[in-house]
Amino acid sequence: MGQISISSFVLCVTLFLIARHEAEISLPVILMITVGVSMISILLSLAIGPFAFLVALVILTLAIRRFCYVSRPKAIAVTGVYAANNILLASGTILLRKA
């Protein structure tokens, strides 16, 4: 639950910074998008393995465009920051478990 909370916060801040005048930034909507994409990513990882992350990023881009009313280039930029956040969180978790 902690990673979803952090990811939701990062998504809100990123939407505010990139698409401040265009996006509808509502925490419940962002939280539902984050939880939905996380659940889809988990289910897809059981079926297609490591490619699930790429599919989840495409779904995230479409969800941001649909529910936050953001243009395609800005949605792709927000998704890129979200992907970097998830990679850093996963790397940090792995490093902390080894220590």
Protein backbone atom coordinates (compact mmCIF):
# COMPACT_ATOMS: atom_id res chain seq x y z
CA MET A 1 0.00 0.00 0.00
CA GLY A 2 2.93 2.33 0.62
CA GLN A 3 4.17 2.16 -2.95
CA ILE A 4 0.69 2.90 -4.30
CA SER A 5 0.42 5.94 -2.03
CA ILE A 6 3.82 7.22 -3.12
CA SER A 7 3.02 6.57 -6.78
CA SER A 8 -0.31 8.40 -6.46
CA PHE A 9 1.40 11.38 -4.87
CA VAL A 10 4.09 11.43 -7.58
CA LEU A 11 1.40 11.20 -10.27
CA CYS A 12 -0.51 14.14 -8.73
CA VAL A 13 2.61 16.29 -8.48
CA THR A 14 3.69 15.37 -12.01
CA LEU A 15 0.27 16.19 -13.42
CA PHE A 16 0.36 19.51 -11.60
CA LEU A 17 3.82 20.38 -12.91
CA ILE A 18 3.36 19.22 -16.50
CA ALA A 19 -0.33 19.84 -17.20
CA ARG A 20 -1.34 22.37 -14.56
CA HIS A 21 -3.77 24.33 -16.73
CA GLU A 22 -5.14 21.34 -18.62
CA ALA A 23 -5.50 18.41 -16.23
CA GLU A 24 -8.22 17.65 -13.78
CA ILE A 25 -6.18 16.85 -10.69
CA SER A 26 -8.36 15.05 -8.21
CA LEU A 27 -6.76 12.79 -5.62
CA PRO A 28 -9.54 10.15 -5.66
CA VAL A 29 -9.34 9.88 -9.46
CA ILE A 30 -5.54 9.65 -9.36
CA LEU A 31 -5.71 7.02 -6.62
CA MET A 32 -8.19 4.93 -8.63
CA ILE A 33 -5.99 5.18 -11.73
CA THR A 34 -2.92 4.12 -9.74
CA VAL A 35 -4.68 1.21 -8.05
CA GLY A 36 -6.23 0.09 -11.34
CA VAL A 37 -2.95 0.18 -13.23
CA SER A 38 -1.18 -1.62 -10.37
CA MET A 39 -3.80 -4.38 -10.29
CA ILE A 40 -3.69 -4.80 -14.07
CA SER A 41 0.10 -4.89 -13.95
CA ILE A 42 0.06 -7.62 -11.30
CA LEU A 43 -2.43 -9.73 -13.24
CA LEU A 44 -0.56 -9.25 -16.51
CA SER A 45 2.76 -10.16 -14.92
CA LEU A 46 1.34 -13.59 -14.17
CA ALA A 47 0.47 -14.05 -17.84
CA ILE A 48 3.17 -12.29 -19.85
CA GLY A 49 5.94 -11.70 -17.34
CA PRO A 50 8.24 -8.68 -17.62
CA PHE A 51 6.36 -7.19 -20.59
CA ALA A 52 3.47 -6.39 -18.25
CA PHE A 53 5.19 -3.17 -17.20
CA LEU A 54 5.16 -1.87 -20.79
CA VAL A 55 1.50 -2.76 -21.23
CA ALA A 56 0.70 -1.10 -17.91
CA LEU A 57 2.41 2.10 -19.10
CA VAL A 58 0.26 2.15 -22.23
CA ILE A 59 -2.85 1.64 -20.10
CA LEU A 60 -1.71 4.41 -17.75
CA THR A 61 -1.26 6.82 -20.65
CA LEU A 62 -4.76 6.03 -21.91
CA ALA A 63 -6.25 6.35 -18.41
CA ILE A 64 -4.61 9.74 -17.85
CA ARG A 65 -5.92 10.97 -21.19
CA ARG A 66 -9.42 9.68 -20.47
CA PHE A 67 -9.94 10.57 -16.81
CA CYS A 68 -7.67 13.60 -16.33
CA TYR A 69 -8.37 15.22 -19.73
CA VAL A 70 -4.73 15.66 -20.70
CA SER A 71 -3.33 15.84 -24.24
CA ARG A 72 -1.30 12.92 -25.63
CA PRO A 73 2.19 14.49 -25.37
CA LYS A 74 1.63 15.57 -21.78
CA ALA A 75 0.16 12.18 -20.86
CA ILE A 76 3.24 10.48 -22.29
CA ALA A 77 5.51 12.81 -20.30
CA VAL A 78 3.58 12.12 -17.09
CA THR A 79 3.77 8.39 -17.79
CA GLY A 80 7.54 8.63 -18.27
CA VAL A 81 7.98 10.24 -14.87
CA TYR A 82 5.66 7.63 -13.33
CA ALA A 83 7.70 4.82 -14.91
CA ALA A 84 10.94 6.30 -13.57
CA ASN A 85 9.34 6.55 -10.12
CA ASN A 86 8.28 2.90 -10.19
CA ILE A 87 11.71 1.75 -11.33
CA LEU A 88 13.44 3.76 -8.58
CA LEU A 89 11.03 2.47 -5.93
CA ALA A 90 11.56 -1.13 -7.02
CA SER A 91 15.34 -0.68 -7.09
CA GLY A 92 15.32 0.90 -3.64
CA THR A 93 13.22 -1.94 -2.26
CA ILE A 94 15.62 -4.53 -3.67
CA LEU A 95 18.65 -2.68 -2.29
CA LEU A 96 17.08 -2.35 1.16
CA ARG A 97 16.29 -6.06 1.28
CA LYS A 98 19.91 -6.95 0.50
CA ALA A 99 21.26 -4.69 3.24
